[in-house]
Structures are given as C-alpha cells and as structure tokens.
Protein backbone atom coordinates (compact mmCIF):
# COMPACT_ATOMS: atom_id res chain seq x y z
CA MET A 1 -25.94 -77.74 -26.62
CA GLY A 2 -25.34 -75.20 -23.88
CA ARG A 3 -23.47 -75.94 -20.67
CA VAL A 4 -25.81 -76.86 -17.80
CA VAL A 5 -24.48 -77.49 -14.31
CA THR A 6 -26.35 -79.94 -12.08
CA PRO A 7 -24.89 -80.97 -8.70
CA GLU A 8 -23.55 -84.51 -8.86
CA LEU A 9 -24.42 -86.99 -6.13
CA LEU A 10 -20.93 -88.44 -5.73
CA ASP A 11 -19.58 -84.93 -5.12
CA SER A 12 -22.06 -84.24 -2.37
CA ASP A 13 -21.64 -87.61 -0.60
CA ALA A 14 -25.36 -88.16 -1.13
CA GLY A 15 -25.01 -91.94 -1.32
CA THR A 16 -24.39 -94.62 1.25
CA PRO A 17 -20.84 -96.00 1.60
CA ALA A 18 -21.89 -99.00 -0.52
CA GLU A 19 -23.32 -96.71 -3.22
CA VAL A 20 -20.11 -94.66 -3.29
CA VAL A 21 -18.03 -97.83 -3.74
CA SER A 22 -20.37 -98.99 -6.52
CA SER A 23 -20.20 -95.62 -8.28
CA LEU A 24 -16.40 -95.56 -8.11
CA ALA A 25 -16.43 -99.05 -9.65
CA ASP A 26 -18.59 -97.68 -12.48
CA LEU A 27 -16.04 -94.93 -13.04
CA ARG A 28 -13.24 -97.48 -13.19
CA ARG A 29 -15.05 -99.37 -15.95
CA ILE A 30 -15.86 -96.18 -17.84
CA ASN A 31 -12.23 -95.08 -17.74
CA ARG A 32 -10.92 -98.48 -18.84
CA TRP A 33 -13.41 -99.09 -21.63
CA PHE A 34 -14.11 -95.63 -22.97
CA GLY A 35 -10.81 -93.83 -23.29
CA GLY A 36 -10.05 -92.45 -19.84
CA VAL A 37 -6.88 -94.44 -19.20
CA ALA A 38 -5.69 -94.13 -22.80
CA THR A 39 -6.14 -90.36 -22.79
CA THR A 40 -4.01 -89.77 -19.70
CA CYS A 41 -1.44 -92.29 -20.89
CA SER A 42 -1.08 -90.48 -24.21
CA MET A 43 -0.51 -87.14 -22.49
CA VAL A 44 2.13 -88.42 -20.08
CA GLU A 45 3.87 -90.28 -22.90
CA HIS A 46 3.83 -87.12 -25.04
CA VAL A 47 5.47 -85.12 -22.25
CA ALA A 48 8.05 -87.85 -21.61
CA ARG A 49 9.01 -87.91 -25.31
CA LYS A 50 9.26 -84.12 -25.46
CA LEU A 51 11.50 -84.05 -22.38
CA ASP A 52 13.34 -87.24 -23.32
CA ALA A 53 12.51 -88.36 -19.78
CA THR A 54 12.47 -91.91 -18.43
CA ALA A 55 11.05 -90.99 -15.02
CA LEU A 56 8.39 -88.48 -13.96
CA SER A 57 6.58 -87.63 -10.73
CA PHE A 58 2.83 -87.20 -11.07
CA LEU A 59 0.15 -85.79 -8.77
CA GLU A 60 -3.40 -86.88 -9.64
CA VAL A 61 -5.95 -84.41 -8.24
CA ALA A 62 -9.50 -85.58 -7.47
CA ALA A 63 -8.03 -89.04 -7.85
CA GLY A 64 -10.94 -91.08 -6.53
CA SER A 65 -9.87 -94.69 -6.18
CA GLY A 66 -6.64 -94.00 -8.07
CA ASP A 67 -7.14 -96.64 -10.75
CA VAL A 68 -6.40 -94.41 -13.73
CA PRO A 69 -2.92 -93.26 -12.63
CA GLU A 70 -2.09 -96.82 -11.55
CA LEU A 71 -3.04 -98.26 -14.94
CA VAL A 72 -1.18 -95.44 -16.66
CA ARG A 73 1.88 -96.22 -14.54
CA GLN A 74 1.73 -99.88 -15.53
CA ARG A 75 1.35 -99.12 -19.24
CA LEU A 76 4.19 -96.60 -19.27
CA GLN A 77 6.47 -98.93 -17.33
CA SER A 78 6.26 -101.37 -20.22
CA LYS A 79 7.42 -98.53 -22.49
CA GLY A 80 10.41 -97.62 -20.35
CA VAL A 81 8.91 -94.66 -18.47
CA GLN A 82 8.72 -94.79 -14.67
CA LEU A 83 5.80 -92.80 -13.23
CA GLN A 84 5.83 -92.07 -9.49
CA THR A 85 2.25 -91.17 -8.55
CA THR A 86 0.68 -89.38 -5.61
CA LEU A 87 -3.09 -89.19 -5.18
CA LEU A 88 -5.13 -86.30 -3.80
CA ASP A 89 -8.87 -86.22 -3.18
CA ARG A 90 -11.16 -84.13 -1.01
CA ALA A 91 -12.74 -87.24 0.56
CA ARG A 92 -10.69 -89.94 2.29
CA SER A 93 -13.45 -92.45 1.49
CA HIS A 94 -12.65 -92.05 -2.23
CA LEU A 95 -8.98 -92.91 -1.78
CA ILE A 96 -9.22 -96.69 -1.88
CA ASN A 97 -6.02 -97.78 -3.63
CA GLY A 98 -3.60 -94.96 -2.91
CA LYS A 99 -0.23 -95.88 -1.47
CA GLN A 100 0.75 -92.20 -1.42
CA ALA A 101 -2.62 -90.52 -0.82
CA VAL A 102 -3.41 -87.07 0.52
CA VAL A 103 -6.72 -85.46 1.45
CA GLY A 104 -6.77 -81.86 0.27
CA ASP A 105 -8.38 -79.01 -1.65
CA ALA A 106 -7.75 -78.88 -5.40
CA LEU A 107 -7.87 -75.08 -5.32
CA ALA A 108 -5.31 -74.87 -2.50
CA LEU A 109 -2.97 -77.79 -3.05
CA PRO A 110 -1.02 -78.68 0.11
CA PHE A 111 2.35 -78.85 -1.64
CA ALA A 112 5.28 -76.52 -2.18
CA ASP A 113 6.01 -74.87 -5.51
CA GLY A 114 7.38 -77.30 -8.10
CA SER A 115 6.75 -80.42 -6.02
CA PHE A 116 5.87 -82.65 -9.01
CA ASP A 117 6.86 -82.85 -12.64
CA LEU A 118 3.21 -83.18 -13.65
CA VAL A 119 -0.12 -82.39 -12.02
CA GLY A 120 -3.15 -84.01 -13.63
CA CYS A 121 -6.84 -84.65 -13.18
CA GLY A 122 -9.41 -86.90 -14.81
CA LEU A 123 -13.14 -86.17 -15.05
CA PHE A 124 -12.70 -83.26 -12.66
CA ALA A 125 -12.55 -80.08 -14.77
CA HIS A 126 -16.26 -80.16 -15.64
CA HIS A 127 -17.08 -79.92 -11.93
CA LEU A 128 -15.52 -76.45 -11.85
CA SER A 129 -16.95 -73.12 -12.88
CA PRO A 130 -14.89 -71.13 -15.42
CA ASP A 131 -13.30 -69.05 -12.65
CA GLN A 132 -12.61 -72.15 -10.54
CA LEU A 133 -11.08 -73.92 -13.53
CA LYS A 134 -8.68 -71.05 -14.15
CA ALA A 135 -7.81 -70.95 -10.46
CA PHE A 136 -7.19 -74.71 -10.40
CA VAL A 137 -4.91 -74.59 -13.44
CA ASN A 138 -2.89 -71.73 -11.96
CA GLU A 139 -2.58 -73.59 -8.65
CA ALA A 140 -1.60 -76.81 -10.44
CA LEU A 141 0.98 -74.89 -12.49
CA ARG A 142 2.44 -73.60 -9.23
CA VAL A 143 2.88 -77.12 -7.87
CA SER A 144 4.14 -78.60 -11.15
CA ARG A 145 7.57 -78.28 -12.71
CA VAL A 146 6.58 -79.09 -16.28
CA ALA A 147 2.86 -79.15 -17.11
CA VAL A 148 -0.74 -79.64 -16.03
CA LEU A 149 -2.71 -82.46 -17.68
CA ILE A 150 -6.51 -82.36 -17.93
CA ASN A 151 -8.44 -85.43 -19.04
CA ASP A 152 -12.11 -84.61 -19.36
CA LEU A 153 -15.30 -85.05 -21.35
CA VAL A 154 -16.40 -83.13 -24.43
CA ARG A 155 -19.92 -81.72 -24.28
CA HIS A 156 -21.87 -82.84 -27.36
CA PRO A 157 -25.47 -83.96 -28.03
CA LEU A 158 -24.32 -87.33 -29.37
CA HIS A 159 -22.24 -87.86 -26.26
CA ALA A 160 -25.30 -87.19 -24.10
CA ALA A 161 -27.30 -89.71 -26.13
CA LEU A 162 -24.58 -92.35 -25.70
CA VAL A 163 -24.53 -91.81 -21.94
CA TYR A 164 -28.26 -92.45 -21.69
CA ALA A 165 -27.88 -95.51 -23.91
CA GLY A 166 -25.28 -96.83 -21.49
CA TYR A 167 -27.63 -96.92 -18.51
CA PRO A 168 -27.67 -100.76 -18.40
CA LEU A 169 -23.91 -100.66 -17.73
CA TYR A 170 -24.21 -98.54 -14.59
CA ARG A 171 -24.55 -100.44 -11.33
CA SER A 172 -25.03 -97.41 -9.11
CA ARG A 173 -27.93 -94.97 -9.01
CA LEU A 174 -25.31 -92.29 -8.37
CA THR A 175 -23.75 -93.01 -11.76
CA ARG A 176 -27.13 -92.99 -13.50
CA HIS A 177 -27.62 -89.47 -12.20
CA ASP A 178 -24.05 -88.21 -12.47
CA ALA A 179 -23.07 -89.51 -15.92
CA PRO A 180 -25.50 -87.36 -17.94
CA ALA A 181 -24.93 -84.46 -15.54
CA SER A 182 -21.20 -84.68 -16.28
CA VAL A 183 -21.71 -84.45 -20.03
CA ARG A 184 -24.04 -81.47 -19.70
CA ALA A 185 -21.52 -79.68 -17.48
CA ALA A 186 -18.46 -80.47 -19.62
CA TYR A 187 -16.64 -77.89 -21.68
CA THR A 188 -16.02 -77.94 -25.41
CA PRO A 189 -12.39 -77.83 -26.60
CA GLU A 190 -12.92 -74.26 -27.78
CA GLU A 191 -14.26 -73.18 -24.38
CA MET A 192 -11.39 -74.93 -22.63
CA ARG A 193 -8.79 -73.23 -24.82
CA ASN A 194 -10.33 -69.79 -24.28
CA LEU A 195 -10.32 -70.27 -20.51
CA LEU A 196 -6.80 -71.64 -20.23
CA GLN A 197 -5.38 -68.88 -22.39
CA ARG A 198 -6.30 -66.63 -19.46
CA THR A 199 -4.15 -68.62 -17.02
CA ARG A 200 -0.39 -68.55 -16.43
CA ALA A 201 0.17 -71.40 -18.88
CA ALA A 202 2.87 -70.67 -21.46
CA GLN A 203 1.19 -72.88 -24.07
CA VAL A 204 -1.99 -74.95 -24.24
CA GLU A 205 -2.34 -78.12 -26.33
CA ILE A 206 -5.76 -79.73 -26.78
CA ARG A 207 -6.48 -82.98 -28.59
CA ARG A 208 -9.67 -84.98 -29.02
CA HIS A 209 -9.59 -88.66 -28.07
CA TYR A 210 -11.79 -91.72 -28.30
CA LEU A 211 -15.46 -91.38 -27.37
CA PHE A 212 -15.63 -87.66 -26.60
CA ARG A 213 -12.55 -87.37 -24.43
CA MET A 214 -10.43 -84.24 -24.34
CA ALA A 215 -6.70 -84.23 -23.58
CA VAL A 216 -5.36 -80.86 -22.43
CA ILE A 217 -1.72 -80.05 -21.68
CA ALA A 218 -1.03 -76.65 -20.09
CA TRP A 219 2.73 -76.13 -20.17
CA LYS A 220 4.42 -74.24 -17.37
CA PRO A 221 6.37 -71.10 -18.36
C-alpha cells in the first residue's frame, strides 16, 4: 500500500465552526478508544523512567483541543510524574481547552532553544512531506532539552479497512473524509526510521502500539 497524500478538510478549515467542533470531538473519541492517549502516555513514562524524573515540561504541537496531553497529564500524575503542558496549534479555533496555548507554526516554533524537556505531536506527522517531517523534527529537537515524541498512525491495508468500517462512529463529515485520508498518508515504521535517521536526532526508538499506532522517540544529542 503506497503512500497517497490527499488534503484533509480539517487542515484547510473547509468546514463550518460547528463541523470543526464536531470533528475535533471525533478525534477525542478516536484517541481515547483506539490507542492515542495510551501511546503518548507510554512514551512520556518511558522517558521519565530513563531520566528518573518526577516532573517534565511538555510542548504538544498541532495540539487541537488539547485533550490528549491533558489525559496523559492526569494518568501520569497518578503514577507520580508531574507533566506541565503547553499547547501549540496553527489555528486558534482548534485550541479549545488550552490553559497555556500558543498559535504558531510547527516548522518555526516560537520558542527559544531548549525551552521544554519534551516536544511531542499526535496525528500530525502524516500531514507532512518527508522533507517537512525532517525539518519539523530538527526544529522540535532545537526547542526540546531531551527528546521529540511522535504519536502517529501506521499505514496498512487492514488499517484502512478498519477506518472505513468505523464510519458509523464518526459524527462529522470532515472526519469521514479525513480519517481514511490520514491512513493513506501515514508512514510505515521503516519509512519513519529512515527519515529520522537523516535528522539531528542522536537515537531513534520506534514501537508499534494498539490498533496501528506508532510511538517514535527521537532523542536529542
């Protein structure tokens, strides 16, 4: 199954404000039910164990409504890890729940070098071309002190079939268009590793997670 890029409606603000809200609600359910929250939580917890850290600062890029980092924060708090989160998105209308929220460009992050322990993103990497993905990772490494975390989909024919089967779960027409487009545009773990090995990352760890999720940790030199 080759990679095919189709513009996604939520990216282009093609929907009405009500449709955008409905699509973001779909994404919240997808992340809660199908591994999105668990994948990011596992990465942050892995870093915290490796550093023996009880507190970390975390910038979520392309954060949308910010539900994933908030749920991750709550889960890690119960495990003794305090996560201080900041949200960044290109559209202010997407930043619904952010207490510390910034509108900005993922490829030119408006922060000084080493501003956060971790810089992460969820369901964002597949929106980027190979060159953009490498540029984003290098920019995120600049802003991070420890690592860049990527939570994204794995492109696979079975995954595409499951997305179409899930149509009854989607409340927004934007999601019905964007969900299969996301799977078709996603990278495989092998493609992701090959790309990130050409960034400034000192080491790249990639693990597969529940229901075709990919957890990527790019460690800062």
